[in-house]
Amino acid sequence: LAIGQDNFDIPALIAKLRERRVSMVQSKPQFTLIYDTPNWLWANHHLSSPPPAISSNNQ
């Protein structure tokens, strides 16, 4: 999932991602994490790791 010029236009970007989810969820269900959680930007780069908040709480 590439993020381009609108990375600072978060509401518009999330709206685009939610539209894409309809088609993407069929092949990559795990991508819903990116759209459904406040950490979607983080999840885009670290799908297999726990959120930073959880990591710091556990240490």
PDB file of N, CA and C in Angstrom:
ATOM      1  N   LEU A   1       0.851  -1.201   0.000  1.00  0.00           N
ATOM      2  CA  LEU A   1       0.000   0.000   0.000  1.00  0.00           C
ATOM      3  C   LEU A   1       0.877   1.237   0.000  1.00  0.00           C
ATOM      4  N   ALA A   2       0.880   1.961  -1.086  1.00  0.00           N
ATOM      5  CA  ALA A   2       1.739   3.140  -1.201  1.00  0.00           C
ATOM      6  C   ALA A   2       0.998   4.391  -0.751  1.00  0.00           C
ATOM      7  N   ILE A   3       1.684   5.209   0.031  1.00  0.00           N
ATOM      8  CA  ILE A   3       1.112   6.474   0.488  1.00  0.00           C
ATOM      9  C   ILE A   3       1.863   7.612  -0.194  1.00  0.00           C
ATOM     10  N   GLY A   4       1.123   8.442  -0.920  1.00  0.00           N
ATOM     11  CA  GLY A   4       1.775   9.471  -1.725  1.00  0.00           C
ATOM     12  C   GLY A   4       1.593  10.870  -1.173  1.00  0.00           C
ATOM     13  N   GLN A   5       1.245  11.794  -2.058  1.00  0.00           N
ATOM     14  CA  GLN A   5       1.227  13.207  -1.716  1.00  0.00           C
ATOM     15  C   GLN A   5       0.246  13.547  -0.601  1.00  0.00           C
ATOM     16  N   ASP A   6      -0.807  12.731  -0.430  1.00  0.00           N
ATOM     17  CA  ASP A   6      -1.827  13.096   0.548  1.00  0.00           C
ATOM     18  C   ASP A   6      -1.572  12.496   1.915  1.00  0.00           C
ATOM     19  N   ASN A   7      -0.318  12.138   2.264  1.00  0.00           N
ATOM     20  CA  ASN A   7      -0.128  11.577   3.580  1.00  0.00           C
ATOM     21  C   ASN A   7      -0.481  12.493   4.717  1.00  0.00           C
ATOM     22  N   PHE A   8      -0.558  13.795   4.471  1.00  0.00           N
ATOM     23  CA  PHE A   8      -0.922  14.716   5.549  1.00  0.00           C
ATOM     24  C   PHE A   8      -2.413  15.036   5.544  1.00  0.00           C
ATOM     25  N   ASP A   9      -3.125  14.560   4.535  1.00  0.00           N
ATOM     26  CA  ASP A   9      -4.578  14.746   4.478  1.00  0.00           C
ATOM     27  C   ASP A   9      -5.232  13.474   5.009  1.00  0.00           C
ATOM     28  N   ILE A  10      -5.106  13.262   6.312  1.00  0.00           N
ATOM     29  CA  ILE A  10      -5.477  11.978   6.910  1.00  0.00           C
ATOM     30  C   ILE A  10      -6.943  11.604   6.677  1.00  0.00           C
ATOM     31  N   PRO A  11      -7.926  12.485   6.925  1.00  0.00           N
ATOM     32  CA  PRO A  11      -9.328  12.092   6.695  1.00  0.00           C
ATOM     33  C   PRO A  11      -9.586  11.636   5.261  1.00  0.00           C
ATOM     34  N   ALA A  12      -9.026  12.348   4.292  1.00  0.00           N
ATOM     35  CA  ALA A  12      -9.224  11.960   2.895  1.00  0.00           C
ATOM     36  C   ALA A  12      -8.528  10.640   2.598  1.00  0.00           C
ATOM     37  N   LEU A  13      -7.333  10.454   3.162  1.00  0.00           N
ATOM     38  CA  LEU A  13      -6.583   9.230   2.915  1.00  0.00           C
ATOM     39  C   LEU A  13      -7.307   8.025   3.509  1.00  0.00           C
ATOM     40  N   ILE A  14      -7.809   8.167   4.727  1.00  0.00           N
ATOM     41  CA  ILE A  14      -8.559   7.072   5.349  1.00  0.00           C
ATOM     42  C   ILE A  14      -9.808   6.757   4.533  1.00  0.00           C
ATOM     43  N   ALA A  15     -10.462   7.792   4.018  1.00  0.00           N
ATOM     44  CA  ALA A  15     -11.644   7.563   3.190  1.00  0.00           C
ATOM     45  C   ALA A  15     -11.290   6.737   1.955  1.00  0.00           C
ATOM     46  N   LYS A  16     -10.162   7.046   1.327  1.00  0.00           N
ATOM     47  CA  LYS A  16      -9.716   6.274   0.166  1.00  0.00           C
ATOM     48  C   LYS A  16      -9.436   4.828   0.553  1.00  0.00           C
ATOM     49  N   LEU A  17      -8.762   4.648   1.691  1.00  0.00           N
ATOM     50  CA  LEU A  17      -8.405   3.305   2.123  1.00  0.00           C
ATOM     51  C   LEU A  17      -9.645   2.485   2.438  1.00  0.00           C
ATOM     52  N   ARG A  18     -10.643   3.104   3.067  1.00  0.00           N
ATOM     53  CA  ARG A  18     -11.873   2.378   3.375  1.00  0.00           C
ATOM     54  C   ARG A  18     -12.582   1.947   2.098  1.00  0.00           C
ATOM     55  N   GLU A  19     -12.499   2.758   1.053  1.00  0.00           N
ATOM     56  CA  GLU A  19     -13.090   2.363  -0.222  1.00  0.00           C
ATOM     57  C   GLU A  19     -12.352   1.163  -0.808  1.00  0.00           C
ATOM     58  N   ARG A  20     -11.028   1.187  -0.716  1.00  0.00           N
ATOM     59  CA  ARG A  20     -10.231   0.084  -1.266  1.00  0.00           C
ATOM     60  C   ARG A  20     -10.456  -1.210  -0.499  1.00  0.00           C
ATOM     61  N   ARG A  21     -10.735  -1.103   0.799  1.00  0.00           N
ATOM     62  CA  ARG A  21     -10.876  -2.293   1.636  1.00  0.00           C
ATOM     63  C   ARG A  21     -11.915  -3.255   1.074  1.00  0.00           C
ATOM     64  N   VAL A  22     -12.963  -2.717   0.486  1.00  0.00           N
ATOM     65  CA  VAL A  22     -14.030  -3.558  -0.040  1.00  0.00           C
ATOM     66  C   VAL A  22     -13.481  -4.605  -1.000  1.00  0.00           C
ATOM     67  N   SER A  23     -12.539  -4.214  -1.854  1.00  0.00           N
ATOM     68  CA  SER A  23     -11.979  -5.163  -2.810  1.00  0.00           C
ATOM     69  C   SER A  23     -10.788  -5.927  -2.233  1.00  0.00           C
ATOM     70  N   MET A  24     -10.028  -5.281  -1.347  1.00  0.00           N
ATOM     71  CA  MET A  24      -8.815  -5.913  -0.836  1.00  0.00           C
ATOM     72  C   MET A  24      -9.101  -6.987   0.207  1.00  0.00           C
ATOM     73  N   VAL A  25     -10.182  -6.818   0.966  1.00  0.00           N
ATOM     74  CA  VAL A  25     -10.444  -7.725   2.084  1.00  0.00           C
ATOM     75  C   VAL A  25     -10.609  -9.169   1.615  1.00  0.00           C
ATOM     76  N   GLN A  26     -11.027  -9.362   0.375  1.00  0.00           N
ATOM     77  CA  GLN A  26     -11.239 -10.713  -0.130  1.00  0.00           C
ATOM     78  C   GLN A  26      -9.923 -11.481  -0.270  1.00  0.00           C
ATOM     79  N   SER A  27      -8.852 -10.780  -0.622  1.00  0.00           N
ATOM     80  CA  SER A  27      -7.576 -11.463  -0.825  1.00  0.00           C
ATOM     81  C   SER A  27      -6.617 -11.283   0.350  1.00  0.00           C
ATOM     82  N   LYS A  28      -6.730 -10.158   1.082  1.00  0.00           N
ATOM     83  CA  LYS A  28      -5.803  -9.894   2.181  1.00  0.00           C
ATOM     84  C   LYS A  28      -6.563  -9.372   3.405  1.00  0.00           C
ATOM     85  N   PRO A  29      -7.264 -10.244   4.108  1.00  0.00           N
ATOM     86  CA  PRO A  29      -8.087  -9.815   5.246  1.00  0.00           C
ATOM     87  C   PRO A  29      -7.297  -9.077   6.315  1.00  0.00           C
ATOM     88  N   GLN A  30      -6.026  -9.425   6.504  1.00  0.00           N
ATOM     89  CA  GLN A  30      -5.236  -8.784   7.552  1.00  0.00           C
ATOM     90  C   GLN A  30      -5.054  -7.286   7.308  1.00  0.00           C
ATOM     91  N   PHE A  31      -5.222  -6.840   6.080  1.00  0.00           N
ATOM     92  CA  PHE A  31      -5.069  -5.413   5.789  1.00  0.00           C
ATOM     93  C   PHE A  31      -6.135  -4.553   6.462  1.00  0.00           C
ATOM     94  N   THR A  32      -7.227  -5.181   6.939  1.00  0.00           N
ATOM     95  CA  THR A  32      -8.253  -4.391   7.618  1.00  0.00           C
ATOM     96  C   THR A  32      -7.695  -3.725   8.869  1.00  0.00           C
ATOM     97  N   LEU A  33      -6.629  -4.286   9.446  1.00  0.00           N
ATOM     98  CA  LEU A  33      -5.954  -3.647  10.576  1.00  0.00           C
ATOM     99  C   LEU A  33      -5.538  -2.220  10.242  1.00  0.00           C
ATOM    100  N   ILE A  34      -5.044  -2.035   9.029  1.00  0.00           N
ATOM    101  CA  ILE A  34      -4.532  -0.731   8.614  1.00  0.00           C
ATOM    102  C   ILE A  34      -5.648   0.310   8.625  1.00  0.00           C
ATOM    103  N   TYR A  35      -6.865  -0.123   8.282  1.00  0.00           N
ATOM    104  CA  TYR A  35      -7.959   0.822   8.124  1.00  0.00           C
ATOM    105  C   TYR A  35      -8.792   0.977   9.397  1.00  0.00           C
ATOM    106  N   ASP A  36      -8.825  -0.054  10.228  1.00  0.00           N
ATOM    107  CA  ASP A  36      -9.779  -0.078  11.330  1.00  0.00           C
ATOM    108  C   ASP A  36      -9.206   0.372  12.661  1.00  0.00           C
ATOM    109  N   THR A  37      -7.898   0.525  12.770  1.00  0.00           N
ATOM    110  CA  THR A  37      -7.299   0.917  14.039  1.00  0.00           C
ATOM    111  C   THR A  37      -6.618   2.273  13.916  1.00  0.00           C
ATOM    112  N   PRO A  38      -6.488   3.004  15.030  1.00  0.00           N
ATOM    113  CA  PRO A  38      -5.790   4.291  15.010  1.00  0.00           C
ATOM    114  C   PRO A  38      -4.332   4.143  14.573  1.00  0.00           C
ATOM    115  N   ASN A  39      -3.796   2.934  14.703  1.00  0.00           N
ATOM    116  CA  ASN A  39      -2.402   2.687  14.346  1.00  0.00           C
ATOM    117  C   ASN A  39      -2.247   2.238  12.894  1.00  0.00           C
ATOM    118  N   TRP A  40      -3.226   2.555  12.033  1.00  0.00           N
ATOM    119  CA  TRP A  40      -3.177   2.013  10.668  1.00  0.00           C
ATOM    120  C   TRP A  40      -1.902   2.418   9.938  1.00  0.00           C
ATOM    121  N   LEU A  41      -1.395   3.629  10.173  1.00  0.00           N
ATOM    122  CA  LEU A  41      -0.150   4.032   9.509  1.00  0.00           C
ATOM    123  C   LEU A  41       1.010   3.170   9.977  1.00  0.00           C
ATOM    124  N   TRP A  42       1.051   2.939  11.293  1.00  0.00           N
ATOM    125  CA  TRP A  42       2.085   2.074  11.853  1.00  0.00           C
ATOM    126  C   TRP A  42       1.909   0.643  11.345  1.00  0.00           C
ATOM    127  N   ALA A  43       0.665   0.168  11.342  1.00  0.00           N
ATOM    128  CA  ALA A  43       0.406  -1.213  10.932  1.00  0.00           C
ATOM    129  C   ALA A  43       0.847  -1.459   9.487  1.00  0.00           C
ATOM    130  N   ASN A  44       0.761  -0.428   8.666  1.00  0.00           N
ATOM    131  CA  ASN A  44       1.165  -0.553   7.269  1.00  0.00           C
ATOM    132  C   ASN A  44       2.616  -0.996   7.144  1.00  0.00           C
ATOM    133  N   HIS A  45       3.450  -0.627   8.122  1.00  0.00           N
ATOM    134  CA  HIS A  45       4.873  -0.947   8.050  1.00  0.00           C
ATOM    135  C   HIS A  45       5.280  -2.093   8.968  1.00  0.00           C
ATOM    136  N   HIS A  46       4.434  -2.415   9.944  1.00  0.00           N
ATOM    137  CA  HIS A  46       4.820  -3.413  10.946  1.00  0.00           C
ATOM    138  C   HIS A  46       3.655  -4.360  11.248  1.00  0.00           C
ATOM    139  N   LEU A  47       3.118  -4.986  10.217  1.00  0.00           N
ATOM    140  CA  LEU A  47       1.942  -5.835  10.408  1.00  0.00           C
ATOM    141  C   LEU A  47       2.190  -6.997  11.367  1.00  0.00           C
ATOM    142  N   SER A  48       3.447  -7.443  11.489  1.00  0.00           N
ATOM    143  CA  SER A  48       3.710  -8.643  12.282  1.00  0.00           C
ATOM    144  C   SER A  48       4.194  -8.339  13.694  1.00  0.00           C
ATOM    145  N   SER A  49       4.286  -7.058  14.065  1.00  0.00           N
ATOM    146  CA  SER A  49       4.780  -6.687  15.387  1.00  0.00           C
ATOM    147  C   SER A  49       3.674  -6.045  16.221  1.00  0.00           C
ATOM    148  N   PRO A  50       3.793  -6.094  17.553  1.00  0.00           N
ATOM    149  CA  PRO A  50       2.803  -5.453  18.412  1.00  0.00           C
ATOM    150  C   PRO A  50       2.918  -3.933  18.332  1.00  0.00           C
ATOM    151  N   PRO A  51       1.844  -3.204  18.620  1.00  0.00           N
ATOM    152  CA  PRO A  51       1.896  -1.744  18.593  1.00  0.00           C
ATOM    153  C   PRO A  51       2.922  -1.195  19.569  1.00  0.00           C
ATOM    154  N   PRO A  52       3.521  -0.055  19.291  1.00  0.00           N
ATOM    155  CA  PRO A  52       4.527   0.532  20.181  1.00  0.00           C
ATOM    156  C   PRO A  52       4.022   0.696  21.609  1.00  0.00           C
ATOM    157  N   ALA A  53       2.766   1.074  21.784  1.00  0.00           N
ATOM    158  CA  ALA A  53       2.217   1.271  23.126  1.00  0.00           C
ATOM    159  C   ALA A  53       2.228  -0.042  23.910  1.00  0.00           C
ATOM    160  N   ILE A  54       1.846  -1.142  23.255  1.00  0.00           N
ATOM    161  CA  ILE A  54       1.830  -2.444  23.922  1.00  0.00           C
ATOM    162  C   ILE A  54       3.256  -2.892  24.248  1.00  0.00           C
ATOM    163  N   SER A  55       4.183  -2.655  23.322  1.00  0.00           N
ATOM    164  CA  SER A  55       5.565  -3.061  23.557  1.00  0.00           C
ATOM    165  C   SER A  55       6.153  -2.346  24.768  1.00  0.00           C
ATOM    166  N   SER A  56       5.911  -1.032  24.877  1.00  0.00           N
ATOM    167  CA  SER A  56       6.491  -0.276  25.982  1.00  0.00           C
ATOM    168  C   SER A  56       5.828  -0.641  27.308  1.00  0.00           C
ATOM    169  N   ASN A  57       4.538  -1.011  27.269  1.00  0.00           N
ATOM    170  CA  ASN A  57       3.855  -1.411  28.497  1.00  0.00           C
ATOM    171  C   ASN A  57       4.365  -2.747  29.019  1.00  0.00           C
ATOM    172  N   ASN A  58       4.798  -3.610  28.104  1.00  0.00           N
ATOM    173  CA  ASN A  58       5.244  -4.944  28.507  1.00  0.00           C
ATOM    174  C   ASN A  58       6.665  -4.948  29.039  1.00  0.00           C
ATOM    175  N   GLN A  59       7.411  -3.905  28.755  1.00  0.00           N
ATOM    176  CA  GLN A  59       8.822  -3.893  29.147  1.00  0.00           C
ATOM    177  C   GLN A  59       9.020  -3.297  30.535  1.00  0.00           C
TER     178      GLN A  59
END
